[in-house]
N, C-alpha and C. Protein backbone atom coordinates (compact mmCIF):
# COMPACT_ATOMS: atom_id res chain seq x y z
N MET A 1 40.45 -10.65 -3.53
CA MET A 1 40.66 -10.41 -2.70
C MET A 1 39.08 -10.73 -1.93
N GLN A 2 39.48 -11.67 -1.07
CA GLN A 2 38.17 -12.06 -0.44
C GLN A 2 37.71 -11.94 1.29
N LEU A 3 36.81 -11.35 0.93
CA LEU A 3 36.52 -10.82 3.20
C LEU A 3 35.69 -11.94 3.69
N LEU A 4 35.49 -12.46 4.85
CA LEU A 4 36.00 -13.82 5.48
C LEU A 4 34.95 -13.14 6.76
N LEU A 5 33.84 -12.93 6.80
CA LEU A 5 32.49 -12.29 7.80
C LEU A 5 32.57 -14.21 9.00
N THR A 6 32.45 -13.70 9.86
CA THR A 6 31.22 -14.70 10.95
C THR A 6 29.67 -14.69 10.75
N GLU A 7 28.90 -15.88 10.96
CA GLU A 7 28.69 -15.10 11.25
C GLU A 7 27.55 -14.12 12.52
N ASN A 8 27.99 -13.92 13.32
CA ASN A 8 27.95 -12.79 14.51
C ASN A 8 27.94 -12.11 13.94
N GLN A 9 29.19 -11.43 13.67
CA GLN A 9 29.59 -10.23 11.93
C GLN A 9 28.90 -9.87 11.30
N LEU A 10 28.06 -10.82 10.13
CA LEU A 10 26.88 -10.68 9.00
C LEU A 10 26.14 -10.31 10.51
N LYS A 11 25.26 -10.50 11.04
CA LYS A 11 24.14 -10.37 12.12
C LYS A 11 24.68 -8.86 12.89
N MET A 12 25.53 -8.27 13.38
CA MET A 12 25.85 -7.28 13.52
C MET A 12 25.63 -6.41 12.01
N LEU A 13 26.30 -6.11 10.93
CA LEU A 13 26.12 -5.51 10.16
C LEU A 13 24.45 -5.81 9.43
N VAL A 14 23.75 -6.07 10.05
CA VAL A 14 22.50 -6.45 9.15
C VAL A 14 21.29 -5.75 10.17
N SER A 15 22.08 -6.05 11.43
CA SER A 15 21.11 -5.42 12.41
C SER A 15 21.64 -3.70 12.95
N GLU A 16 22.29 -3.48 12.51
CA GLU A 16 23.20 -2.16 12.83
C GLU A 16 22.94 -1.31 11.73
N TYR A 17 22.20 -1.26 10.28
CA TYR A 17 22.31 -0.92 9.08
C TYR A 17 21.22 -0.21 9.08
N TYR A 18 21.35 1.13 8.93
CA TYR A 18 20.16 1.83 9.26
C TYR A 18 19.13 2.28 7.74
N ASP A 19 18.16 1.68 8.31
CA ASP A 19 16.99 1.49 7.32
C ASP A 19 15.96 3.17 7.91
N ARG A 20 16.00 4.15 6.76
CA ARG A 20 14.75 5.04 6.35
C ARG A 20 13.70 4.96 6.15
N SER A 21 12.96 3.55 6.05
CA SER A 21 11.88 2.94 6.08
C SER A 21 11.15 2.85 7.69
N GLN A 22 11.43 2.01 8.43
CA GLN A 22 11.68 1.92 9.91
C GLN A 22 10.99 2.87 10.56
N VAL A 23 10.02 2.43 11.23
CA VAL A 23 8.53 3.05 11.73
C VAL A 23 8.80 3.15 13.21
N TYR A 24 9.10 3.97 14.67
CA TYR A 24 9.56 3.77 16.03
C TYR A 24 8.55 4.92 16.48
N ASP A 25 7.83 4.07 17.94
CA ASP A 25 7.08 5.38 18.77
C ASP A 25 7.71 6.19 19.08
N ARG A 26 6.35 7.29 19.34
CA ARG A 26 6.92 8.47 18.57
C ARG A 26 7.10 8.87 20.49
N GLU A 27 6.70 8.16 21.38
CA GLU A 27 6.52 8.80 23.00
C GLU A 27 7.93 7.96 23.39
N LYS A 28 8.02 6.77 23.01
CA LYS A 28 9.09 5.87 23.31
C LYS A 28 10.14 6.84 23.33
N LEU A 29 10.79 7.09 21.37
CA LEU A 29 11.91 8.03 21.27
C LEU A 29 11.87 9.32 21.96
N PHE A 30 10.39 9.82 22.69
CA PHE A 30 10.97 10.96 23.46
C PHE A 30 11.51 10.83 24.60
N LYS A 31 11.41 10.06 25.39
CA LYS A 31 11.79 9.88 26.35
C LYS A 31 13.25 9.56 26.41
N ALA A 32 13.09 8.27 25.05
CA ALA A 32 14.88 8.08 25.70
C ALA A 32 15.75 9.33 25.00
N LEU A 33 15.02 10.26 24.14
CA LEU A 33 16.10 11.54 24.01
C LEU A 33 16.01 12.51 24.60
N LYS A 34 14.99 11.90 25.89
CA LYS A 34 14.53 13.69 26.93
C LYS A 34 16.21 14.24 27.21
N SER A 35 17.70 13.20 27.27
CA SER A 35 18.45 13.87 27.96
C SER A 35 20.14 13.60 26.87
N ALA A 36 18.86 14.06 25.37
CA ALA A 36 20.59 14.69 24.42
C ALA A 36 21.12 15.49 24.41
N PRO A 37 21.66 16.22 24.04
CA PRO A 37 22.39 16.94 23.37
C PRO A 37 20.85 17.99 22.80
N GLY A 38 21.04 19.97 22.98
CA GLY A 38 20.53 20.21 21.81
C GLY A 38 20.27 20.35 20.11
N TYR A 39 22.03 20.18 19.81
CA TYR A 39 22.13 19.64 18.21
C TYR A 39 20.91 17.87 18.05
N ILE A 40 20.86 17.15 18.61
CA ILE A 40 19.98 16.67 18.65
C ILE A 40 18.36 16.74 18.58
N LYS A 41 18.19 17.47 19.75
CA LYS A 41 16.93 17.90 19.94
C LYS A 41 16.18 18.09 18.88
N SER A 42 17.41 19.59 17.96
CA SER A 42 16.59 20.11 16.72
C SER A 42 15.70 19.28 16.18
N HIS A 43 16.03 18.10 15.71
CA HIS A 43 16.22 17.42 14.52
C HIS A 43 14.35 16.84 15.12
N LEU A 44 13.73 16.96 15.83
CA LEU A 44 12.90 16.39 16.24
C LEU A 44 11.70 16.90 16.78
N LYS A 45 11.60 18.87 16.01
CA LYS A 45 10.50 18.89 15.71
C LYS A 45 10.34 18.80 14.33
N GLY A 46 10.78 18.75 13.49
CA GLY A 46 10.12 18.15 11.92
C GLY A 46 9.96 16.82 11.56
N LEU A 47 9.89 15.92 13.45
CA LEU A 47 9.63 15.18 12.46
C LEU A 47 7.80 14.07 12.27
N PRO A 48 7.53 13.21 11.32
CA PRO A 48 6.45 13.08 11.07
C PRO A 48 5.87 12.20 11.95
N ARG A 49 4.29 12.48 11.82
CA ARG A 49 3.44 11.75 13.01
C ARG A 49 3.00 11.17 12.30
N PHE A 50 2.52 9.63 11.98
CA PHE A 50 1.30 8.98 11.30
C PHE A 50 1.21 7.85 12.61
N TYR A 51 -0.13 7.49 12.14
CA TYR A 51 -0.72 5.12 12.42
C TYR A 51 0.41 4.57 12.50
N VAL A 52 -0.19 3.84 12.38
CA VAL A 52 0.06 2.63 11.26
C VAL A 52 -1.35 1.64 11.54
N ARG A 53 -1.44 0.76 11.07
CA ARG A 53 -3.09 0.37 11.23
C ARG A 53 -2.99 -1.34 11.32
N ASP A 54 -3.58 -1.91 11.93
CA ASP A 54 -3.47 -3.42 12.14
C ASP A 54 -4.88 -3.62 10.46
N GLU A 55 -4.91 -5.29 10.81
CA GLU A 55 -5.30 -5.92 9.96
C GLU A 55 -6.54 -5.81 9.10
N GLN A 56 -7.59 -5.06 10.19
CA GLN A 56 -9.02 -4.48 9.85
C GLN A 56 -9.01 -3.64 10.21
N GLY A 57 -7.24 -2.10 9.89
CA GLY A 57 -7.36 -0.83 9.55
C GLY A 57 -7.93 0.29 10.12
N GLU A 58 -7.73 -0.38 11.54
CA GLU A 58 -7.73 0.35 13.12
C GLU A 58 -6.17 0.81 13.23
N PRO A 59 -6.12 1.78 13.65
CA PRO A 59 -4.44 2.58 14.47
C PRO A 59 -4.43 1.48 15.70
N LEU A 60 -3.15 1.22 15.30
CA LEU A 60 -2.75 0.85 16.62
C LEU A 60 -2.78 0.92 17.97
N LYS A 61 -3.04 0.59 19.23
CA LYS A 61 -3.59 0.62 20.48
C LYS A 61 -2.58 0.34 21.27
N ASP A 62 -1.71 1.31 22.12
CA ASP A 62 -1.43 0.73 23.89
C ASP A 62 -1.95 0.12 24.74
N SER A 63 -1.84 -0.72 25.43
CA SER A 63 -2.35 -1.30 26.96
C SER A 63 -3.71 -0.64 27.79
N MET A 64 -2.77 1.02 27.22
CA MET A 64 -4.02 2.05 27.99
C MET A 64 -5.31 1.52 26.67
N GLY A 65 -4.96 1.63 25.56
CA GLY A 65 -6.62 1.97 24.26
C GLY A 65 -6.18 2.85 23.62
N ASN A 66 -5.05 3.54 24.11
CA ASN A 66 -4.64 4.80 23.18
C ASN A 66 -4.15 4.78 21.67
N LYS A 67 -3.77 5.39 21.03
CA LYS A 67 -3.96 4.87 19.98
C LYS A 67 -2.36 5.48 19.92
N VAL A 68 -1.49 4.98 19.22
CA VAL A 68 -0.06 4.60 19.19
C VAL A 68 0.60 5.77 18.00
N ILE A 69 0.71 6.71 18.30
CA ILE A 69 1.92 7.01 17.24
C ILE A 69 3.29 7.39 16.94
N PHE A 70 3.50 7.41 16.18
CA PHE A 70 5.17 6.99 14.96
C PHE A 70 5.30 7.66 14.69
N THR A 71 6.51 7.68 14.30
CA THR A 71 7.50 8.55 13.84
C THR A 71 8.57 8.02 12.28
N ARG A 72 9.19 8.48 11.70
CA ARG A 72 10.85 8.10 11.40
C ARG A 72 11.72 8.55 11.86
N ILE A 73 12.99 8.35 11.64
CA ILE A 73 13.98 9.08 12.17
C ILE A 73 14.90 9.71 11.16
N PRO A 74 15.89 10.57 10.96
CA PRO A 74 17.08 10.82 10.32
C PRO A 74 18.09 10.07 10.68
N GLU A 75 18.87 9.59 10.04
CA GLU A 75 20.12 8.86 9.84
C GLU A 75 20.91 9.94 11.78
N ILE A 76 21.42 10.88 11.63
CA ILE A 76 22.10 11.67 12.87
C ILE A 76 21.28 10.79 13.96
N ILE A 77 19.22 10.38 14.02
CA ILE A 77 19.15 9.57 15.69
C ILE A 77 19.27 8.48 15.42
N TYR A 78 19.23 8.09 14.59
CA TYR A 78 19.33 6.29 15.04
C TYR A 78 21.10 6.46 15.89
N ASP A 79 21.28 7.51 15.07
CA ASP A 79 23.61 6.94 15.25
C ASP A 79 23.60 7.40 16.38
N TYR A 80 22.74 7.96 17.25
CA TYR A 80 23.18 8.62 18.76
C TYR A 80 21.88 7.73 19.30
N LEU A 81 20.36 6.72 19.24
CA LEU A 81 20.61 6.26 19.63
C LEU A 81 20.84 4.83 19.63
N HIS A 82 21.80 4.44 18.56
CA HIS A 82 22.30 2.88 18.57
C HIS A 82 23.48 3.28 18.86
N GLY A 83 24.41 4.91 19.08
CA GLY A 83 25.87 4.56 20.09
C GLY A 83 27.08 4.40 18.79
N ASN A 84 26.70 4.58 17.77
CA ASN A 84 27.78 5.70 16.19
C ASN A 84 27.94 6.34 16.55
N TYR A 85 27.86 7.96 17.51
CA TYR A 85 28.66 8.73 17.53
C TYR A 85 29.83 8.17 17.68
């Protein structure tokens, strides 16, 4: 049995795939989940915090010069953010 996919379907499948090594801006993530239900917010407490460094070894900074804190998210938060619930 063969399954035929269009280019758009393939692109959608690849872009909607959860990647556990993907990093997210922690501040933007918390703003996006401000109105999320409690069972989603309960997953935010234990998220890791770390800096991503540039080529010179310095932490990435936002436009105001502040260091940006990044995090990785579990699949349940990814699904909530992308409307896969």
